[in-house]
Amino acid sequence: MDTPDFSSTTTIQKSQQNGWIKILLITLLFYILVLGALVLTQNPNLFPTLAMVGNFAVPVAYVAFFYERRHQNPARHTSTCRRSYLKEHTHNPFSPIETKKAVENFFSAWDTLLCGPTVG
C-alpha cells in the first residue's frame, strides 16, 4: 500500500502561516506613505485617512493571526466548558425556567443598584 505524500500540504500550510505579518507590513507601509503625503503636502484632509489606516492595520492583522491558527487547537474551549458545567449541574441552564430566573435576578439586582435596597 502506498503512503500518501503530505509534503505539498505542509508547504502550503507553512507559506500561509505568516500571512498576518504580510498584512501588518503592507498596512504599515501604506500608513508610512500616507503619513509622508500628509507631511509633504500639509493637507489636513489626509488626517482622517491616516487615522483610519492606523486603526485598520492592527485589528485586521490580529484577526488574520487567529484565523490562520483556528485548526491548531483541537480542544474547543466553549464546548469543553459547557460539557463540564453540565456534568456538575443536573438541570438544564438554558431551559426557559432557568432563563426566567436569571432575568428576574438581573433586574432585581439592577433595581437595587439604581434605587437602593427596599425597606419594609
PDB file of N, CA and C in Angstrom:
ATOM      1  N   MET A   1       0.839  -1.171   0.000  1.00  0.00           N
ATOM      2  CA  MET A   1       0.000   0.000   0.000  1.00  0.00           C
ATOM      3  C   MET A   1       0.890   1.241   0.000  1.00  0.00           C
ATOM      4  N   ASP A   2       0.595   2.203  -0.866  1.00  0.00           N
ATOM      5  CA  ASP A   2       1.385   3.429  -0.984  1.00  0.00           C
ATOM      6  C   ASP A   2       1.039   4.390   0.147  1.00  0.00           C
ATOM      7  N   THR A   3       2.067   5.069   0.610  1.00  0.00           N
ATOM      8  CA  THR A   3       1.819   6.095   1.628  1.00  0.00           C
ATOM      9  C   THR A   3       1.547   7.422   0.932  1.00  0.00           C
ATOM     10  N   PRO A   4       0.584   8.185   1.444  1.00  0.00           N
ATOM     11  CA  PRO A   4       0.281   9.464   0.798  1.00  0.00           C
ATOM     12  C   PRO A   4       1.408  10.479   1.005  1.00  0.00           C
ATOM     13  N   ASP A   5       1.549  11.348   0.027  1.00  0.00           N
ATOM     14  CA  ASP A   5       2.589  12.378   0.086  1.00  0.00           C
ATOM     15  C   ASP A   5       1.978  13.662   0.652  1.00  0.00           C
ATOM     16  N   PHE A   6       2.396  14.024   1.870  1.00  0.00           N
ATOM     17  CA  PHE A   6       1.864  15.218   2.529  1.00  0.00           C
ATOM     18  C   PHE A   6       2.831  16.398   2.440  1.00  0.00           C
ATOM     19  N   SER A   7       3.896  16.275   1.685  1.00  0.00           N
ATOM     20  CA  SER A   7       4.892  17.344   1.630  1.00  0.00           C
ATOM     21  C   SER A   7       4.318  18.624   1.016  1.00  0.00           C
ATOM     22  N   SER A   8       3.440  18.496   0.022  1.00  0.00           N
ATOM     23  CA  SER A   8       2.885  19.697  -0.606  1.00  0.00           C
ATOM     24  C   SER A   8       1.915  20.418   0.334  1.00  0.00           C
ATOM     25  N   THR A   9       1.165  19.671   1.149  1.00  0.00           N
ATOM     26  CA  THR A   9       0.230  20.322   2.059  1.00  0.00           C
ATOM     27  C   THR A   9       0.964  21.041   3.180  1.00  0.00           C
ATOM     28  N   THR A  10       2.080  20.477   3.651  1.00  0.00           N
ATOM     29  CA  THR A  10       2.824  21.180   4.696  1.00  0.00           C
ATOM     30  C   THR A  10       3.475  22.433   4.139  1.00  0.00           C
ATOM     31  N   THR A  11       3.884  22.407   2.876  1.00  0.00           N
ATOM     32  CA  THR A  11       4.457  23.598   2.263  1.00  0.00           C
ATOM     33  C   THR A  11       3.401  24.691   2.151  1.00  0.00           C
ATOM     34  N   ILE A  12       2.202  24.322   1.766  1.00  0.00           N
ATOM     35  CA  ILE A  12       1.118  25.297   1.656  1.00  0.00           C
ATOM     36  C   ILE A  12       0.791  25.863   3.025  1.00  0.00           C
ATOM     37  N   GLN A  13       0.713  25.012   4.034  1.00  0.00           N
ATOM     38  CA  GLN A  13       0.388  25.483   5.373  1.00  0.00           C
ATOM     39  C   GLN A  13       1.466  26.419   5.902  1.00  0.00           C
ATOM     40  N   LYS A  14       2.736  26.105   5.655  1.00  0.00           N
ATOM     41  CA  LYS A  14       3.810  26.961   6.147  1.00  0.00           C
ATOM     42  C   LYS A  14       3.836  28.290   5.415  1.00  0.00           C
ATOM     43  N   SER A  15       3.525  28.289   4.117  1.00  0.00           N
ATOM     44  CA  SER A  15       3.534  29.552   3.380  1.00  0.00           C
ATOM     45  C   SER A  15       2.368  30.444   3.786  1.00  0.00           C
ATOM     46  N   GLN A  16       1.266  29.850   4.217  1.00  0.00           N
ATOM     47  CA  GLN A  16       0.125  30.630   4.655  1.00  0.00           C
ATOM     48  C   GLN A  16       0.183  30.933   6.153  1.00  0.00           C
ATOM     49  N   GLN A  17       1.160  30.422   6.840  1.00  0.00           N
ATOM     50  CA  GLN A  17       1.236  30.555   8.288  1.00  0.00           C
ATOM     51  C   GLN A  17       1.501  31.990   8.719  1.00  0.00           C
ATOM     52  N   ASN A  18       2.243  32.746   7.946  1.00  0.00           N
ATOM     53  CA  ASN A  18       2.608  34.093   8.354  1.00  0.00           C
ATOM     54  C   ASN A  18       1.943  35.163   7.500  1.00  0.00           C
ATOM     55  N   GLY A  19       0.738  34.927   7.081  1.00  0.00           N
ATOM     56  CA  GLY A  19       0.002  35.915   6.299  1.00  0.00           C
ATOM     57  C   GLY A  19      -0.303  37.164   7.101  1.00  0.00           C
ATOM     58  N   TRP A  20      -0.449  37.020   8.409  1.00  0.00           N
ATOM     59  CA  TRP A  20      -0.756  38.182   9.243  1.00  0.00           C
ATOM     60  C   TRP A  20       0.411  39.158   9.266  1.00  0.00           C
ATOM     61  N   ILE A  21       1.643  38.639   9.174  1.00  0.00           N
ATOM     62  CA  ILE A  21       2.808  39.523   9.139  1.00  0.00           C
ATOM     63  C   ILE A  21       2.818  40.318   7.837  1.00  0.00           C
ATOM     64  N   LYS A  22       2.466  39.656   6.734  1.00  0.00           N
ATOM     65  CA  LYS A  22       2.397  40.352   5.452  1.00  0.00           C
ATOM     66  C   LYS A  22       1.342  41.445   5.498  1.00  0.00           C
ATOM     67  N   ILE A  23       0.191  41.143   6.088  1.00  0.00           N
ATOM     68  CA  ILE A  23      -0.867  42.145   6.207  1.00  0.00           C
ATOM     69  C   ILE A  23      -0.395  43.320   7.049  1.00  0.00           C
ATOM     70  N   LEU A  24       0.241  43.025   8.165  1.00  0.00           N
ATOM     71  CA  LEU A  24       0.715  44.086   9.050  1.00  0.00           C
ATOM     72  C   LEU A  24       1.785  44.948   8.365  1.00  0.00           C
ATOM     73  N   LEU A  25       2.706  44.319   7.655  1.00  0.00           N
ATOM     74  CA  LEU A  25       3.768  45.081   6.985  1.00  0.00           C
ATOM     75  C   LEU A  25       3.219  45.931   5.838  1.00  0.00           C
ATOM     76  N   ILE A  26       2.272  45.391   5.079  1.00  0.00           N
ATOM     77  CA  ILE A  26       1.686  46.157   3.966  1.00  0.00           C
ATOM     78  C   ILE A  26       0.906  47.350   4.491  1.00  0.00           C
ATOM     79  N   THR A  27       0.119  47.145   5.543  1.00  0.00           N
ATOM     80  CA  THR A  27      -0.638  48.270   6.093  1.00  0.00           C
ATOM     81  C   THR A  27       0.295  49.284   6.757  1.00  0.00           C
ATOM     82  N   LEU A  28       1.390  48.814   7.363  1.00  0.00           N
ATOM     83  CA  LEU A  28       2.371  49.733   7.936  1.00  0.00           C
ATOM     84  C   LEU A  28       3.033  50.564   6.844  1.00  0.00           C
ATOM     85  N   LEU A  29       3.361  49.937   5.723  1.00  0.00           N
ATOM     86  CA  LEU A  29       3.942  50.658   4.595  1.00  0.00           C
ATOM     87  C   LEU A  29       2.949  51.701   4.071  1.00  0.00           C
ATOM     88  N   PHE A  30       1.692  51.323   3.947  1.00  0.00           N
ATOM     89  CA  PHE A  30       0.675  52.259   3.478  1.00  0.00           C
ATOM     90  C   PHE A  30       0.512  53.411   4.470  1.00  0.00           C
ATOM     91  N   TYR A  31       0.577  53.110   5.749  1.00  0.00           N
ATOM     92  CA  TYR A  31       0.490  54.138   6.785  1.00  0.00           C
ATOM     93  C   TYR A  31       1.644  55.136   6.650  1.00  0.00           C
ATOM     94  N   ILE A  32       2.842  54.622   6.430  1.00  0.00           N
ATOM     95  CA  ILE A  32       4.008  55.495   6.273  1.00  0.00           C
ATOM     96  C   ILE A  32       3.887  56.357   5.019  1.00  0.00           C
ATOM     97  N   LEU A  33       3.357  55.777   3.942  1.00  0.00           N
ATOM     98  CA  LEU A  33       3.156  56.548   2.717  1.00  0.00           C
ATOM     99  C   LEU A  33       2.137  57.671   2.922  1.00  0.00           C
ATOM    100  N   VAL A  34       1.039  57.372   3.587  1.00  0.00           N
ATOM    101  CA  VAL A  34       0.029  58.398   3.845  1.00  0.00           C
ATOM    102  C   VAL A  34       0.578  59.458   4.795  1.00  0.00           C
ATOM    103  N   LEU A  35       1.347  59.039   5.792  1.00  0.00           N
ATOM    104  CA  LEU A  35       1.968  59.992   6.713  1.00  0.00           C
ATOM    105  C   LEU A  35       2.941  60.904   5.962  1.00  0.00           C
ATOM    106  N   GLY A  36       3.721  60.335   5.071  1.00  0.00           N
ATOM    107  CA  GLY A  36       4.636  61.138   4.253  1.00  0.00           C
ATOM    108  C   GLY A  36       3.891  62.126   3.375  1.00  0.00           C
ATOM    109  N   ALA A  37       2.792  61.679   2.774  1.00  0.00           N
ATOM    110  CA  ALA A  37       1.988  62.583   1.951  1.00  0.00           C
ATOM    111  C   ALA A  37       1.380  63.698   2.790  1.00  0.00           C
ATOM    112  N   LEU A  38       0.965  63.367   4.017  1.00  0.00           N
ATOM    113  CA  LEU A  38       0.404  64.373   4.919  1.00  0.00           C
ATOM    114  C   LEU A  38       1.448  65.416   5.292  1.00  0.00           C
ATOM    115  N   VAL A  39       2.652  64.972   5.593  1.00  0.00           N
ATOM    116  CA  VAL A  39       3.724  65.891   5.991  1.00  0.00           C
ATOM    117  C   VAL A  39       4.177  66.743   4.799  1.00  0.00           C
ATOM    118  N   LEU A  40       4.333  66.120   3.623  1.00  0.00           N
ATOM    119  CA  LEU A  40       4.827  66.857   2.460  1.00  0.00           C
ATOM    120  C   LEU A  40       3.815  67.855   1.917  1.00  0.00           C
ATOM    121  N   THR A  41       2.559  67.480   1.878  1.00  0.00           N
ATOM    122  CA  THR A  41       1.551  68.358   1.287  1.00  0.00           C
ATOM    123  C   THR A  41       0.917  69.302   2.290  1.00  0.00           C
ATOM    124  N   GLN A  42       1.036  69.009   3.587  1.00  0.00           N
ATOM    125  CA  GLN A  42       0.392  69.803   4.637  1.00  0.00           C
ATOM    126  C   GLN A  42      -1.119  69.893   4.413  1.00  0.00           C
ATOM    127  N   ASN A  43      -1.689  68.823   3.848  1.00  0.00           N
ATOM    128  CA  ASN A  43      -3.116  68.782   3.559  1.00  0.00           C
ATOM    129  C   ASN A  43      -3.832  68.137   4.745  1.00  0.00           C
ATOM    130  N   PRO A  44      -4.623  68.893   5.506  1.00  0.00           N
ATOM    131  CA  PRO A  44      -5.293  68.319   6.670  1.00  0.00           C
ATOM    132  C   PRO A  44      -6.395  67.316   6.307  1.00  0.00           C
ATOM    133  N   ASN A  45      -6.799  67.294   5.045  1.00  0.00           N
ATOM    134  CA  ASN A  45      -7.819  66.325   4.625  1.00  0.00           C
ATOM    135  C   ASN A  45      -7.284  64.893   4.629  1.00  0.00           C
ATOM    136  N   LEU A  46      -5.984  64.714   4.681  1.00  0.00           N
ATOM    137  CA  LEU A  46      -5.401  63.369   4.720  1.00  0.00           C
ATOM    138  C   LEU A  46      -5.360  62.783   6.132  1.00  0.00           C
ATOM    139  N   PHE A  47      -5.589  63.616   7.141  1.00  0.00           N
ATOM    140  CA  PHE A  47      -5.522  63.124   8.513  1.00  0.00           C
ATOM    141  C   PHE A  47      -6.550  62.023   8.804  1.00  0.00           C
ATOM    142  N   PRO A  48      -7.833  62.167   8.389  1.00  0.00           N
ATOM    143  CA  PRO A  48      -8.770  61.045   8.631  1.00  0.00           C
ATOM    144  C   PRO A  48      -8.344  59.746   7.948  1.00  0.00           C
ATOM    145  N   THR A  49      -7.741  59.871   6.779  1.00  0.00           N
ATOM    146  CA  THR A  49      -7.246  58.677   6.087  1.00  0.00           C
ATOM    147  C   THR A  49      -6.145  58.022   6.897  1.00  0.00           C
ATOM    148  N   LEU A  50      -5.255  58.831   7.426  1.00  0.00           N
ATOM    149  CA  LEU A  50      -4.166  58.311   8.252  1.00  0.00           C
ATOM    150  C   LEU A  50      -4.714  57.610   9.494  1.00  0.00           C
ATOM    151  N   ALA A  51      -5.698  58.220  10.128  1.00  0.00           N
ATOM    152  CA  ALA A  51      -6.287  57.625  11.331  1.00  0.00           C
ATOM    153  C   ALA A  51      -6.994  56.309  11.003  1.00  0.00           C
ATOM    154  N   MET A  52      -7.701  56.273   9.880  1.00  0.00           N
ATOM    155  CA  MET A  52      -8.402  55.037   9.517  1.00  0.00           C
ATOM    156  C   MET A  52      -7.435  53.922   9.158  1.00  0.00           C
ATOM    157  N   VAL A  53      -6.368  54.244   8.457  1.00  0.00           N
ATOM    158  CA  VAL A  53      -5.375  53.213   8.109  1.00  0.00           C
ATOM    159  C   VAL A  53      -4.718  52.679   9.380  1.00  0.00           C
ATOM    160  N   GLY A  54      -4.397  53.576  10.309  1.00  0.00           N
ATOM    161  CA  GLY A  54      -3.790  53.141  11.565  1.00  0.00           C
ATOM    162  C   GLY A  54      -4.715  52.285  12.398  1.00  0.00           C
ATOM    163  N   ASN A  55      -5.999  52.634  12.409  1.00  0.00           N
ATOM    164  CA  ASN A  55      -6.969  51.852  13.180  1.00  0.00           C
ATOM    165  C   ASN A  55      -7.359  50.553  12.484  1.00  0.00           C
ATOM    166  N   PHE A  56      -7.061  50.451  11.213  1.00  0.00           N
ATOM    167  CA  PHE A  56      -7.406  49.264  10.446  1.00  0.00           C
ATOM    168  C   PHE A  56      -6.313  48.197  10.528  1.00  0.00           C
ATOM    169  N   ALA A  57      -5.048  48.627  10.625  1.00  0.00           N
ATOM    170  CA  ALA A  57      -3.914  47.723  10.460  1.00  0.00           C
ATOM    171  C   ALA A  57      -3.852  46.637  11.523  1.00  0.00           C
ATOM    172  N   VAL A  58      -3.834  47.008  12.778  1.00  0.00           N
ATOM    173  CA  VAL A  58      -3.622  46.030  13.846  1.00  0.00           C
ATOM    174  C   VAL A  58      -4.822  45.082  14.014  1.00  0.00           C
ATOM    175  N   PRO A  59      -6.073  45.555  14.029  1.00  0.00           N
ATOM    176  CA  PRO A  59      -7.172  44.593  14.176  1.00  0.00           C
ATOM    177  C   PRO A  59      -7.255  43.569  13.044  1.00  0.00           C
ATOM    178  N   VAL A  60      -6.975  43.986  11.825  1.00  0.00           N
ATOM    179  CA  VAL A  60      -7.031  43.038  10.704  1.00  0.00           C
ATOM    180  C   VAL A  60      -5.908  42.011  10.819  1.00  0.00           C
ATOM    181  N   ALA A  61      -4.719  42.446  11.198  1.00  0.00           N
ATOM    182  CA  ALA A  61      -3.609  41.505  11.397  1.00  0.00           C
ATOM    183  C   ALA A  61      -3.909  40.557  12.553  1.00  0.00           C
ATOM    184  N   TYR A  62      -4.550  41.068  13.596  1.00  0.00           N
ATOM    185  CA  TYR A  62      -4.929  40.257  14.758  1.00  0.00           C
ATOM    186  C   TYR A  62      -5.913  39.154  14.362  1.00  0.00           C
ATOM    187  N   VAL A  63      -6.917  39.530  13.595  1.00  0.00           N
ATOM    188  CA  VAL A  63      -7.902  38.538  13.139  1.00  0.00           C
ATOM    189  C   VAL A  63      -7.240  37.528  12.212  1.00  0.00           C
ATOM    190  N   ALA A  64      -6.373  37.981  11.332  1.00  0.00           N
ATOM    191  CA  ALA A  64      -5.680  37.064  10.414  1.00  0.00           C
ATOM    192  C   ALA A  64      -4.790  36.083  11.183  1.00  0.00           C
ATOM    193  N   PHE A  65      -4.146  36.558  12.251  1.00  0.00           N
ATOM    194  CA  PHE A  65      -3.284  35.694  13.065  1.00  0.00           C
ATOM    195  C   PHE A  65      -4.092  34.531  13.635  1.00  0.00           C
ATOM    196  N   PHE A  66      -5.232  34.831  14.235  1.00  0.00           N
ATOM    197  CA  PHE A  66      -6.032  33.766  14.840  1.00  0.00           C
ATOM    198  C   PHE A  66      -6.781  32.939  13.800  1.00  0.00           C
ATOM    199  N   TYR A  67      -7.103  33.530  12.665  1.00  0.00           N
ATOM    200  CA  TYR A  67      -7.757  32.762  11.607  1.00  0.00           C
ATOM    201  C   TYR A  67      -6.815  31.694  11.056  1.00  0.00           C
ATOM    202  N   GLU A  68      -5.536  32.029  10.941  1.00  0.00           N
ATOM    203  CA  GLU A  68      -4.562  31.054  10.456  1.00  0.00           C
ATOM    204  C   GLU A  68      -4.368  29.905  11.435  1.00  0.00           C
ATOM    205  N   ARG A  69      -4.599  30.142  12.698  1.00  0.00           N
ATOM    206  CA  ARG A  69      -4.348  29.126  13.725  1.00  0.00           C
ATOM    207  C   ARG A  69      -5.625  28.501  14.267  1.00  0.00           C
ATOM    208  N   ARG A  70      -6.719  28.631  13.554  1.00  0.00           N
ATOM    209  CA  ARG A  70      -8.004  28.142  14.052  1.00  0.00           C
ATOM    210  C   ARG A  70      -8.059  26.625  14.168  1.00  0.00           C
ATOM    211  N   HIS A  71      -7.229  25.902  13.425  1.00  0.00           N
ATOM    212  CA  HIS A  71      -7.265  24.441  13.472  1.00  0.00           C
ATOM    213  C   HIS A  71      -6.146  23.840  14.319  1.00  0.00           C
ATOM    214  N   GLN A  72      -5.305  24.684  14.920  1.00  0.00           N
ATOM    215  CA  GLN A  72      -4.171  24.148  15.670  1.00  0.00           C
ATOM    216  C   GLN A  72      -4.565  23.609  17.032  1.00  0.00           C
ATOM    217  N   ASN A  73      -5.598  24.151  17.641  1.00  0.00           N
ATOM    218  CA  ASN A  73      -6.012  23.707  18.966  1.00  0.00           C
ATOM    219  C   ASN A  73      -7.217  22.778  18.818  1.00  0.00           C
ATOM    220  N   PRO A  74      -7.031  21.473  19.026  1.00  0.00           N
ATOM    221  CA  PRO A  74      -8.143  20.554  18.816  1.00  0.00           C
ATOM    222  C   PRO A  74      -9.235  20.673  19.879  1.00  0.00           C
ATOM    223  N   ALA A  75      -8.904  21.185  21.053  1.00  0.00           N
ATOM    224  CA  ALA A  75      -9.912  21.312  22.114  1.00  0.00           C
ATOM    225  C   ALA A  75     -10.721  22.573  21.883  1.00  0.00           C
ATOM    226  N   ARG A  76     -12.000  22.430  21.859  1.00  0.00           N
ATOM    227  CA  ARG A  76     -12.884  23.590  21.726  1.00  0.00           C
ATOM    228  C   ARG A  76     -13.228  24.054  23.125  1.00  0.00           C
ATOM    229  N   HIS A  77     -12.746  25.220  23.498  1.00  0.00           N
ATOM    230  CA  HIS A  77     -12.877  25.682  24.871  1.00  0.00           C
ATOM    231  C   HIS A  77     -14.329  25.867  25.285  1.00  0.00           C
ATOM    232  N   THR A  78     -15.140  26.447  24.420  1.00  0.00           N
ATOM    233  CA  THR A  78     -16.517  26.710  24.827  1.00  0.00           C
ATOM    234  C   THR A  78     -17.281  25.414  25.028  1.00  0.00           C
ATOM    235  N   SER A  79     -17.106  24.467  24.116  1.00  0.00           N
ATOM    236  CA  SER A  79     -17.834  23.212  24.267  1.00  0.00           C
ATOM    237  C   SER A  79     -17.297  22.414  25.454  1.00  0.00           C
ATOM    238  N   THR A  80     -15.993  22.489  25.713  1.00  0.00           N
ATOM    239  CA  THR A  80     -15.419  21.789  26.858  1.00  0.00           C
ATOM    240  C   THR A  80     -15.947  22.372  28.158  1.00  0.00           C
ATOM    241  N   CYS A  81     -15.984  23.691  28.244  1.00  0.00           N
ATOM    242  CA  CYS A  81     -16.520  24.332  29.449  1.00  0.00           C
ATOM    243  C   CYS A  81     -17.994  24.005  29.627  1.00  0.00           C
ATOM    244  N   ARG A  82     -18.738  24.029  28.536  1.00  0.00           N
ATOM    245  CA  ARG A  82     -20.162  23.749  28.638  1.00  0.00           C
ATOM    246  C   ARG A  82     -20.398  22.311  29.100  1.00  0.00           C
ATOM    247  N   ARG A  83     -19.611  21.369  28.567  1.00  0.00           N
ATOM    248  CA  ARG A  83     -19.777  19.975  28.985  1.00  0.00           C
ATOM    249  C   ARG A  83     -19.445  19.785  30.454  1.00  0.00           C
ATOM    250  N   SER A  84     -18.375  20.415  30.932  1.00  0.00           N
ATOM    251  CA  SER A  84     -18.016  20.264  32.336  1.00  0.00           C
ATOM    252  C   SER A  84     -19.059  20.917  33.228  1.00  0.00           C
ATOM    253  N   TYR A  85     -19.641  22.028  32.780  1.00  0.00           N
ATOM    254  CA  TYR A  85     -20.690  22.685  33.567  1.00  0.00           C
ATOM    255  C   TYR A  85     -21.920  21.785  33.650  1.00  0.00           C
ATOM    256  N   LEU A  86     -22.286  21.193  32.533  1.00  0.00           N
ATOM    257  CA  LEU A  86     -23.478  20.344  32.530  1.00  0.00           C
ATOM    258  C   LEU A  86     -23.267  19.063  33.322  1.00  0.00           C
ATOM    259  N   LYS A  87     -22.032  18.584  33.414  1.00  0.00           N
ATOM    260  CA  LYS A  87     -21.773  17.401  34.235  1.00  0.00           C
ATOM    261  C   LYS A  87     -21.983  17.717  35.709  1.00  0.00           C
ATOM    262  N   GLU A  88     -21.589  18.928  36.129  1.00  0.00           N
ATOM    263  CA  GLU A  88     -21.730  19.299  37.532  1.00  0.00           C
ATOM    264  C   GLU A  88     -23.165  19.641  37.905  1.00  0.00           C
ATOM    265  N   HIS A  89     -23.914  20.167  36.971  1.00  0.00           N
ATOM    266  CA  HIS A  89     -25.287  20.597  37.239  1.00  0.00           C
ATOM    267  C   HIS A  89     -26.258  19.696  36.476  1.00  0.00           C
ATOM    268  N   THR A  90     -27.193  19.144  37.200  1.00  0.00           N
ATOM    269  CA  THR A  90     -28.108  18.206  36.560  1.00  0.00           C
ATOM    270  C   THR A  90     -29.220  18.924  35.808  1.00  0.00           C
ATOM    271  N   HIS A  91     -29.545  20.144  36.194  1.00  0.00           N
ATOM    272  CA  HIS A  91     -30.592  20.860  35.489  1.00  0.00           C
ATOM    273  C   HIS A  91     -30.034  21.493  34.215  1.00  0.00           C
ATOM    274  N   ASN A  92     -30.927  21.849  33.326  1.00  0.00           N
ATOM    275  CA  ASN A  92     -30.525  22.466  32.075  1.00  0.00           C
ATOM    276  C   ASN A  92     -30.444  23.981  32.285  1.00  0.00           C
ATOM    277  N   PRO A  93     -29.253  24.576  32.211  1.00  0.00           N
ATOM    278  CA  PRO A  93     -29.148  26.013  32.473  1.00  0.00           C
ATOM    279  C   PRO A  93     -29.777  26.869  31.383  1.00  0.00           C
ATOM    280  N   PHE A  94     -30.109  26.269  30.241  1.00  0.00           N
ATOM    281  CA  PHE A  94     -30.685  27.029  29.148  1.00  0.00           C
ATOM    282  C   PHE A  94     -32.194  26.824  29.034  1.00  0.00           C
ATOM    283  N   SER A  95     -32.792  26.194  30.031  1.00  0.00           N
ATOM    284  CA  SER A  95     -34.235  25.982  29.985  1.00  0.00           C
ATOM    285  C   SER A  95     -34.947  27.306  30.206  1.00  0.00           C
ATOM    286  N   PRO A  96     -36.197  27.421  29.756  1.00  0.00           N
ATOM    287  CA  PRO A  96     -36.932  28.678  29.929  1.00  0.00           C
ATOM    288  C   PRO A  96     -37.090  29.079  31.392  1.00  0.00           C
ATOM    289  N   ILE A  97     -37.234  28.122  32.290  1.00  0.00           N
ATOM    290  CA  ILE A  97     -37.408  28.439  33.704  1.00  0.00           C
ATOM    291  C   ILE A  97     -36.121  29.044  34.260  1.00  0.00           C
ATOM    292  N   GLU A  98     -34.972  28.434  33.951  1.00  0.00           N
ATOM    293  CA  GLU A  98     -33.701  28.955  34.433  1.00  0.00           C
ATOM    294  C   GLU A  98     -33.404  30.326  33.817  1.00  0.00           C
ATOM    295  N   THR A  99     -33.755  30.501  32.543  1.00  0.00           N
ATOM    296  CA  THR A  99     -33.549  31.790  31.898  1.00  0.00           C
ATOM    297  C   THR A  99     -34.406  32.858  32.559  1.00  0.00           C
ATOM    298  N   LYS A 100     -35.664  32.523  32.864  1.00  0.00           N
ATOM    299  CA  LYS A 100     -36.555  33.475  33.524  1.00  0.00           C
ATOM    300  C   LYS A 100     -36.011  33.850  34.900  1.00  0.00           C
ATOM    301  N   LYS A 101     -35.499  32.863  35.643  1.00  0.00           N
ATOM    302  CA  LYS A 101     -34.926  33.151  36.962  1.00  0.00           C
ATOM    303  C   LYS A 101     -33.713  34.076  36.838  1.00  0.00           C
ATOM    304  N   ALA A 102     -32.877  33.837  35.831  1.00  0.00           N
ATOM    305  CA  ALA A 102     -31.689  34.667  35.642  1.00  0.00           C
ATOM    306  C   ALA A 102     -32.076  36.101  35.296  1.00  0.00           C
ATOM    307  N   VAL A 103     -33.097  36.261  34.467  1.00  0.00           N
ATOM    308  CA  VAL A 103     -33.557  37.605  34.102  1.00  0.00           C
ATOM    309  C   VAL A 103     -34.143  38.312  35.312  1.00  0.00           C
ATOM    310  N   GLU A 104     -34.946  37.593  36.106  1.00  0.00           N
ATOM    311  CA  GLU A 104     -35.519  38.196  37.315  1.00  0.00           C
ATOM    312  C   GLU A 104     -34.421  38.595  38.292  1.00  0.00           C
ATOM    313  N   ASN A 105     -33.415  37.766  38.470  1.00  0.00           N
ATOM    314  CA  ASN A 105     -32.300  38.104  39.361  1.00  0.00           C
ATOM    315  C   ASN A 105     -31.526  39.315  38.847  1.00  0.00           C
ATOM    316  N   PHE A 106     -31.362  39.392  37.545  1.00  0.00           N
ATOM    317  CA  PHE A 106     -30.651  40.521  36.966  1.00  0.00           C
ATOM    318  C   PHE A 106     -31.395  41.822  37.227  1.00  0.00           C
ATOM    319  N   PHE A 107     -32.726  41.825  36.955  1.00  0.00           N
ATOM    320  CA  PHE A 107     -33.477  43.059  37.135  1.00  0.00           C
ATOM    321  C   PHE A 107     -33.639  43.416  38.605  1.00  0.00           C
ATOM    322  N   SER A 108     -33.706  42.432  39.469  1.00  0.00           N
ATOM    323  CA  SER A 108     -33.776  42.721  40.891  1.00  0.00           C
ATOM    324  C   SER A 108     -32.474  43.349  41.372  1.00  0.00           C
ATOM    325  N   ALA A 109     -31.333  42.839  40.895  1.00  0.00           N
ATOM    326  CA  ALA A 109     -30.046  43.436  41.256  1.00  0.00           C
ATOM    327  C   ALA A 109     -29.919  44.833  40.654  1.00  0.00           C
ATOM    328  N   TRP A 110     -30.413  45.025  39.443  1.00  0.00           N
ATOM    329  CA  TRP A 110     -30.360  46.320  38.785  1.00  0.00           C
ATOM    330  C   TRP A 110     -31.202  47.344  39.547  1.00  0.00           C
ATOM    331  N   ASP A 111     -32.422  46.946  39.965  1.00  0.00           N
ATOM    332  CA  ASP A 111     -33.272  47.844  40.727  1.00  0.00           C
ATOM    333  C   ASP A 111     -32.624  48.211  42.059  1.00  0.00           C
ATOM    334  N   THR A 112     -31.988  47.239  42.702  1.00  0.00           N
ATOM    335  CA  THR A 112     -31.320  47.512  43.964  1.00  0.00           C
ATOM    336  C   THR A 112     -30.161  48.470  43.757  1.00  0.00           C
ATOM    337  N   LEU A 113     -29.459  48.314  42.655  1.00  0.00           N
ATOM    338  CA  LEU A 113     -28.329  49.195  42.359  1.00  0.00           C
ATOM    339  C   LEU A 113     -28.792  50.618  42.090  1.00  0.00           C
ATOM    340  N   LEU A 114     -29.877  50.768  41.311  1.00  0.00           N
ATOM    341  CA  LEU A 114     -30.337  52.101  40.959  1.00  0.00           C
ATOM    342  C   LEU A 114     -31.121  52.768  42.087  1.00  0.00           C
ATOM    343  N   CYS A 115     -32.018  52.034  42.730  1.00  0.00           N
ATOM    344  CA  CYS A 115     -32.940  52.626  43.685  1.00  0.00           C
ATOM    345  C   CYS A 115     -32.516  52.418  45.131  1.00  0.00           C
ATOM    346  N   GLY A 116     -31.549  51.579  45.359  1.00  0.00           N
ATOM    347  CA  GLY A 116     -31.152  51.271  46.724  1.00  0.00           C
ATOM    348  C   GLY A 116     -32.002  50.135  47.259  1.00  0.00           C
ATOM    349  N   PRO A 117     -31.625  49.573  48.380  1.00  0.00           N
ATOM    350  CA  PRO A 117     -32.391  48.466  48.929  1.00  0.00           C
ATOM    351  C   PRO A 117     -33.767  48.939  49.402  1.00  0.00           C
ATOM    352  N   THR A 118     -34.757  48.079  49.226  1.00  0.00           N
ATOM    353  CA  THR A 118     -36.103  48.426  49.646  1.00  0.00           C
ATOM    354  C   THR A 118     -36.233  48.204  51.143  1.00  0.00           C
ATOM    355  N   VAL A 119     -36.963  49.068  51.791  1.00  0.00           N
ATOM    356  CA  VAL A 119     -37.162  48.967  53.227  1.00  0.00           C
ATOM    357  C   VAL A 119     -38.576  48.489  53.478  1.00  0.00           C
ATOM    358  N   GLY A 120     -38.707  47.540  54.370  1.00  0.00           N
ATOM    359  CA  GLY A 120     -40.048  47.109  54.791  1.00  0.00           C
ATOM    360  C   GLY A 120     -40.486  45.976  54.046  1.00  0.00           C
TER     361      GLY A 120
END
